Amino acid sequence: MRLLIAIPFILIGSILTATTIEDISYLGNLTIRILGFGIIAVAAMYVRDKKRQTNPFNKNGFK
């Protein structure tokens, strides 16, 4: 389910990262790329699973 939510973020981020518009300046293109990489990073953090089951006898977080 998380992957289905993250796929549109990845697509939007990759489109923003790949586009270059000749009418805006270098700073505008840089802003679009930073925004695209930021959206991809948000999608990656959303997909990453941070839940771990801890065992009281094993302190490193593995099952």
PDB file of N, CA and C in Angstrom:
ATOM      1  N   MET A   1       0.819  -1.190   0.000  1.00  0.00           N
ATOM      2  CA  MET A   1       0.000   0.000   0.000  1.00  0.00           C
ATOM      3  C   MET A   1       0.868   1.262   0.000  1.00  0.00           C
ATOM      4  N   ARG A   2       1.967   1.207   0.748  1.00  0.00           N
ATOM      5  CA  ARG A   2       2.859   2.362   0.779  1.00  0.00           C
ATOM      6  C   ARG A   2       3.459   2.635  -0.592  1.00  0.00           C
ATOM      7  N   LEU A   3       3.740   1.562  -1.321  1.00  0.00           N
ATOM      8  CA  LEU A   3       4.345   1.726  -2.640  1.00  0.00           C
ATOM      9  C   LEU A   3       3.384   2.391  -3.612  1.00  0.00           C
ATOM     10  N   LEU A   4       2.096   2.076  -3.514  1.00  0.00           N
ATOM     11  CA  LEU A   4       1.113   2.700  -4.402  1.00  0.00           C
ATOM     12  C   LEU A   4       0.982   4.197  -4.144  1.00  0.00           C
ATOM     13  N   ILE A   5       1.214   4.610  -2.928  1.00  0.00           N
ATOM     14  CA  ILE A   5       1.169   6.037  -2.614  1.00  0.00           C
ATOM     15  C   ILE A   5       2.468   6.716  -3.042  1.00  0.00           C
ATOM     16  N   ALA A   6       3.582   6.010  -2.963  1.00  0.00           N
ATOM     17  CA  ALA A   6       4.882   6.607  -3.272  1.00  0.00           C
ATOM     18  C   ALA A   6       5.161   6.707  -4.768  1.00  0.00           C
ATOM     19  N   ILE A   7       4.546   5.863  -5.569  1.00  0.00           N
ATOM     20  CA  ILE A   7       4.814   5.878  -7.015  1.00  0.00           C
ATOM     21  C   ILE A   7       4.483   7.225  -7.663  1.00  0.00           C
ATOM     22  N   PRO A   8       3.334   7.867  -7.376  1.00  0.00           N
ATOM     23  CA  PRO A   8       3.107   9.194  -7.975  1.00  0.00           C
ATOM     24  C   PRO A   8       4.132  10.237  -7.530  1.00  0.00           C
ATOM     25  N   PHE A   9       4.576  10.172  -6.277  1.00  0.00           N
ATOM     26  CA  PHE A   9       5.614  11.094  -5.823  1.00  0.00           C
ATOM     27  C   PHE A   9       6.904  10.889  -6.597  1.00  0.00           C
ATOM     28  N   ILE A  10       7.267   9.646  -6.832  1.00  0.00           N
ATOM     29  CA  ILE A  10       8.490   9.348  -7.582  1.00  0.00           C
ATOM     30  C   ILE A  10       8.366   9.836  -9.023  1.00  0.00           C
ATOM     31  N   LEU A  11       7.213   9.622  -9.632  1.00  0.00           N
ATOM     32  CA  LEU A  11       7.014  10.088 -11.012  1.00  0.00           C
ATOM     33  C   LEU A  11       7.063  11.608 -11.114  1.00  0.00           C
ATOM     34  N   ILE A  12       6.382  12.299 -10.213  1.00  0.00           N
ATOM     35  CA  ILE A  12       6.381  13.765 -10.234  1.00  0.00           C
ATOM     36  C   ILE A  12       7.792  14.295  -9.978  1.00  0.00           C
ATOM     37  N   GLY A  13       8.488  13.698  -9.015  1.00  0.00           N
ATOM     38  CA  GLY A  13       9.853  14.135  -8.728  1.00  0.00           C
ATOM     39  C   GLY A  13      10.800  13.913  -9.887  1.00  0.00           C
ATOM     40  N   SER A  14      10.652  12.780 -10.578  1.00  0.00           N
ATOM     41  CA  SER A  14      11.544  12.519 -11.713  1.00  0.00           C
ATOM     42  C   SER A  14      11.237  13.445 -12.882  1.00  0.00           C
ATOM     43  N   ILE A  15       9.981  13.766 -13.082  1.00  0.00           N
ATOM     44  CA  ILE A  15       9.636  14.709 -14.153  1.00  0.00           C
ATOM     45  C   ILE A  15      10.190  16.095 -13.838  1.00  0.00           C
ATOM     46  N   LEU A  16      10.041  16.532 -12.582  1.00  0.00           N
ATOM     47  CA  LEU A  16      10.581  17.844 -12.216  1.00  0.00           C
ATOM     48  C   LEU A  16      12.100  17.872 -12.293  1.00  0.00           C
ATOM     49  N   THR A  17      12.746  16.780 -11.964  1.00  0.00           N
ATOM     50  CA  THR A  17      14.203  16.735 -12.017  1.00  0.00           C
ATOM     51  C   THR A  17      14.701  16.759 -13.461  1.00  0.00           C
ATOM     52  N   ALA A  18      13.982  16.127 -14.372  1.00  0.00           N
ATOM     53  CA  ALA A  18      14.437  16.004 -15.757  1.00  0.00           C
ATOM     54  C   ALA A  18      14.102  17.212 -16.624  1.00  0.00           C
ATOM     55  N   THR A  19      13.178  18.057 -16.204  1.00  0.00           N
ATOM     56  CA  THR A  19      12.776  19.163 -17.068  1.00  0.00           C
ATOM     57  C   THR A  19      13.742  20.334 -16.973  1.00  0.00           C
ATOM     58  N   THR A  20      13.961  20.937 -18.101  1.00  0.00           N
ATOM     59  CA  THR A  20      14.683  22.206 -18.159  1.00  0.00           C
ATOM     60  C   THR A  20      13.864  23.137 -19.035  1.00  0.00           C
ATOM     61  N   ILE A  21      13.658  24.320 -18.555  1.00  0.00           N
ATOM     62  CA  ILE A  21      12.866  25.314 -19.285  1.00  0.00           C
ATOM     63  C   ILE A  21      13.807  26.439 -19.699  1.00  0.00           C
ATOM     64  N   GLU A  22      13.841  26.731 -20.963  1.00  0.00           N
ATOM     65  CA  GLU A  22      14.774  27.732 -21.481  1.00  0.00           C
ATOM     66  C   GLU A  22      14.376  29.155 -21.113  1.00  0.00           C
ATOM     67  N   ASP A  23      13.104  29.382 -20.827  1.00  0.00           N
ATOM     68  CA  ASP A  23      12.640  30.744 -20.567  1.00  0.00           C
ATOM     69  C   ASP A  23      12.960  31.235 -19.163  1.00  0.00           C
ATOM     70  N   ILE A  24      13.217  30.312 -18.226  1.00  0.00           N
ATOM     71  CA  ILE A  24      13.553  30.762 -16.876  1.00  0.00           C
ATOM     72  C   ILE A  24      15.057  30.684 -16.689  1.00  0.00           C
ATOM     73  N   SER A  25      15.536  31.366 -15.711  1.00  0.00           N
ATOM     74  CA  SER A  25      16.983  31.460 -15.525  1.00  0.00           C
ATOM     75  C   SER A  25      17.564  30.186 -14.919  1.00  0.00           C
ATOM     76  N   TYR A  26      18.868  30.220 -14.699  1.00  0.00           N
ATOM     77  CA  TYR A  26      19.565  29.087 -14.090  1.00  0.00           C
ATOM     78  C   TYR A  26      19.043  28.824 -12.685  1.00  0.00           C
ATOM     79  N   LEU A  27      18.723  29.877 -11.955  1.00  0.00           N
ATOM     80  CA  LEU A  27      18.212  29.727 -10.600  1.00  0.00           C
ATOM     81  C   LEU A  27      16.843  29.044 -10.600  1.00  0.00           C
ATOM     82  N   GLY A  28      16.032  29.325 -11.582  1.00  0.00           N
ATOM     83  CA  GLY A  28      14.730  28.656 -11.695  1.00  0.00           C
ATOM     84  C   GLY A  28      14.879  27.177 -11.982  1.00  0.00           C
ATOM     85  N   ASN A  29      15.786  26.826 -12.887  1.00  0.00           N
ATOM     86  CA  ASN A  29      16.038  25.411 -13.181  1.00  0.00           C
ATOM     87  C   ASN A  29      16.607  24.691 -11.969  1.00  0.00           C
ATOM     88  N   LEU A  30      17.490  25.357 -11.228  1.00  0.00           N
ATOM     89  CA  LEU A  30      18.049  24.774 -10.018  1.00  0.00           C
ATOM     90  C   LEU A  30      16.959  24.549  -8.969  1.00  0.00           C
ATOM     91  N   THR A  31      16.050  25.491  -8.851  1.00  0.00           N
ATOM     92  CA  THR A  31      14.944  25.355  -7.897  1.00  0.00           C
ATOM     93  C   THR A  31      14.046  24.177  -8.265  1.00  0.00           C
ATOM     94  N   ILE A  32      13.769  24.003  -9.534  1.00  0.00           N
ATOM     95  CA  ILE A  32      12.943  22.883  -9.975  1.00  0.00           C
ATOM     96  C   ILE A  32      13.643  21.555  -9.685  1.00  0.00           C
ATOM     97  N   ARG A  33      14.936  21.490  -9.905  1.00  0.00           N
ATOM     98  CA  ARG A  33      15.669  20.249  -9.615  1.00  0.00           C
ATOM     99  C   ARG A  33      15.708  19.940  -8.128  1.00  0.00           C
ATOM    100  N   ILE A  34      15.924  20.947  -7.305  1.00  0.00           N
ATOM    101  CA  ILE A  34      15.924  20.730  -5.857  1.00  0.00           C
ATOM    102  C   ILE A  34      14.558  20.261  -5.396  1.00  0.00           C
ATOM    103  N   LEU A  35      13.507  20.843  -5.927  1.00  0.00           N
ATOM    104  CA  LEU A  35      12.144  20.435  -5.589  1.00  0.00           C
ATOM    105  C   LEU A  35      11.894  18.991  -6.027  1.00  0.00           C
ATOM    106  N   GLY A  36      12.373  18.614  -7.196  1.00  0.00           N
ATOM    107  CA  GLY A  36      12.201  17.248  -7.688  1.00  0.00           C
ATOM    108  C   GLY A  36      12.927  16.231  -6.828  1.00  0.00           C
ATOM    109  N   PHE A  37      14.182  16.543  -6.463  1.00  0.00           N
ATOM    110  CA  PHE A  37      14.931  15.629  -5.593  1.00  0.00           C
ATOM    111  C   PHE A  37      14.295  15.565  -4.208  1.00  0.00           C
ATOM    112  N   GLY A  38      13.733  16.673  -3.752  1.00  0.00           N
ATOM    113  CA  GLY A  38      13.054  16.677  -2.456  1.00  0.00           C
ATOM    114  C   GLY A  38      11.826  15.790  -2.452  1.00  0.00           C
ATOM    115  N   ILE A  39      11.049  15.819  -3.524  1.00  0.00           N
ATOM    116  CA  ILE A  39       9.865  14.966  -3.626  1.00  0.00           C
ATOM    117  C   ILE A  39      10.263  13.498  -3.687  1.00  0.00           C
ATOM    118  N   ILE A  40      11.331  13.187  -4.404  1.00  0.00           N
ATOM    119  CA  ILE A  40      11.809  11.805  -4.452  1.00  0.00           C
ATOM    120  C   ILE A  40      12.281  11.354  -3.068  1.00  0.00           C
ATOM    121  N   ALA A  41      12.943  12.241  -2.332  1.00  0.00           N
ATOM    122  CA  ALA A  41      13.401  11.896  -0.984  1.00  0.00           C
ATOM    123  C   ALA A  41      12.223  11.658  -0.040  1.00  0.00           C
ATOM    124  N   VAL A  42      11.171  12.461  -0.174  1.00  0.00           N
ATOM    125  CA  VAL A  42       9.976  12.261   0.652  1.00  0.00           C
ATOM    126  C   VAL A  42       9.349  10.911   0.346  1.00  0.00           C
ATOM    127  N   ALA A  43       9.284  10.547  -0.925  1.00  0.00           N
ATOM    128  CA  ALA A  43       8.724   9.246  -1.298  1.00  0.00           C
ATOM    129  C   ALA A  43       9.576   8.106  -0.756  1.00  0.00           C
ATOM    130  N   ALA A  44      10.888   8.260  -0.789  1.00  0.00           N
ATOM    131  CA  ALA A  44      11.765   7.211  -0.269  1.00  0.00           C
ATOM    132  C   ALA A  44      11.613   7.056   1.236  1.00  0.00           C
ATOM    133  N   MET A  45      11.466   8.159   1.941  1.00  0.00           N
ATOM    134  CA  MET A  45      11.264   8.068   3.388  1.00  0.00           C
ATOM    135  C   MET A  45       9.915   7.469   3.732  1.00  0.00           C
ATOM    136  N   TYR A  46       8.926   7.731   2.901  1.00  0.00           N
ATOM    137  CA  TYR A  46       7.596   7.193   3.156  1.00  0.00           C
ATOM    138  C   TYR A  46       7.550   5.684   2.958  1.00  0.00           C
ATOM    139  N   VAL A  47       8.276   5.195   1.966  1.00  0.00           N
ATOM    140  CA  VAL A  47       8.271   3.763   1.667  1.00  0.00           C
ATOM    141  C   VAL A  47       9.089   2.989   2.693  1.00  0.00           C
ATOM    142  N   ARG A  48      10.145   3.600   3.194  1.00  0.00           N
ATOM    143  CA  ARG A  48      11.040   2.914   4.121  1.00  0.00           C
ATOM    144  C   ARG A  48      10.303   2.540   5.400  1.00  0.00           C
ATOM    145  N   ASP A  49      10.452   1.313   5.808  1.00  0.00           N
ATOM    146  CA  ASP A  49       9.766   0.819   6.991  1.00  0.00           C
ATOM    147  C   ASP A  49      10.665   1.008   8.205  1.00  0.00           C
ATOM    148  N   LYS A  50      10.185   1.752   9.188  1.00  0.00           N
ATOM    149  CA  LYS A  50      10.982   2.011  10.375  1.00  0.00           C
ATOM    150  C   LYS A  50      10.565   1.152  11.558  1.00  0.00           C
ATOM    151  N   LYS A  51       9.532   0.357  11.422  1.00  0.00           N
ATOM    152  CA  LYS A  51       9.069  -0.465  12.530  1.00  0.00           C
ATOM    153  C   LYS A  51       9.962  -1.689  12.667  1.00  0.00           C
ATOM    154  N   ARG A  52      10.397  -1.940  13.887  1.00  0.00           N
ATOM    155  CA  ARG A  52      11.199  -3.123  14.179  1.00  0.00           C
ATOM    156  C   ARG A  52      10.613  -3.813  15.387  1.00  0.00           C
ATOM    157  N   GLN A  53      10.621  -5.111  15.346  1.00  0.00           N
ATOM    158  CA  GLN A  53      10.191  -5.873  16.501  1.00  0.00           C
ATOM    159  C   GLN A  53      11.426  -6.151  17.351  1.00  0.00           C
ATOM    160  N   THR A  54      11.363  -5.701  18.574  1.00  0.00           N
ATOM    161  CA  THR A  54      12.524  -5.893  19.435  1.00  0.00           C
ATOM    162  C   THR A  54      12.325  -7.102  20.327  1.00  0.00           C
ATOM    163  N   ASN A  55      13.366  -7.814  20.503  1.00  0.00           N
ATOM    164  CA  ASN A  55      13.390  -8.964  21.385  1.00  0.00           C
ATOM    165  C   ASN A  55      14.111  -8.512  22.658  1.00  0.00           C
ATOM    166  N   PRO A  56      13.545  -8.763  23.828  1.00  0.00           N
ATOM    167  CA  PRO A  56      14.210  -8.278  25.044  1.00  0.00           C
ATOM    168  C   PRO A  56      15.587  -8.903  25.272  1.00  0.00           C
ATOM    169  N   PHE A  57      15.854 -10.062  24.681  1.00  0.00           N
ATOM    170  CA  PHE A  57      17.154 -10.694  24.843  1.00  0.00           C
ATOM    171  C   PHE A  57      18.149 -10.281  23.775  1.00  0.00           C
ATOM    172  N   ASN A  58      17.653  -9.641  22.704  1.00  0.00           N
ATOM    173  CA  ASN A  58      18.512  -9.220  21.604  1.00  0.00           C
ATOM    174  C   ASN A  58      18.370  -7.706  21.465  1.00  0.00           C
ATOM    175  N   LYS A  59      19.373  -6.946  21.800  1.00  0.00           N
ATOM    176  CA  LYS A  59      19.275  -5.491  21.887  1.00  0.00           C
ATOM    177  C   LYS A  59      19.484  -4.773  20.549  1.00  0.00           C
ATOM    178  N   ASN A  60      19.819  -5.464  19.462  1.00  0.00           N
ATOM    179  CA  ASN A  60      20.085  -4.773  18.216  1.00  0.00           C
ATOM    180  C   ASN A  60      18.854  -4.622  17.315  1.00  0.00           C
ATOM    181  N   GLY A  61      17.671  -5.029  17.742  1.00  0.00           N
ATOM    182  CA  GLY A  61      16.457  -4.759  17.002  1.00  0.00           C
ATOM    183  C   GLY A  61      16.037  -5.829  16.019  1.00  0.00           C
ATOM    184  N   PHE A  62      16.765  -6.921  15.899  1.00  0.00           N
ATOM    185  CA  PHE A  62      16.384  -7.968  14.977  1.00  0.00           C
ATOM    186  C   PHE A  62      15.453  -8.967  15.661  1.00  0.00           C
ATOM    187  N   LYS A  63      14.744  -9.735  14.865  1.00  0.00           N
ATOM    188  CA  LYS A  63      13.804 -10.716  15.420  1.00  0.00           C
ATOM    189  C   LYS A  63      14.526 -11.838  16.124  1.00  0.00           C
TER     190      LYS A  63
END
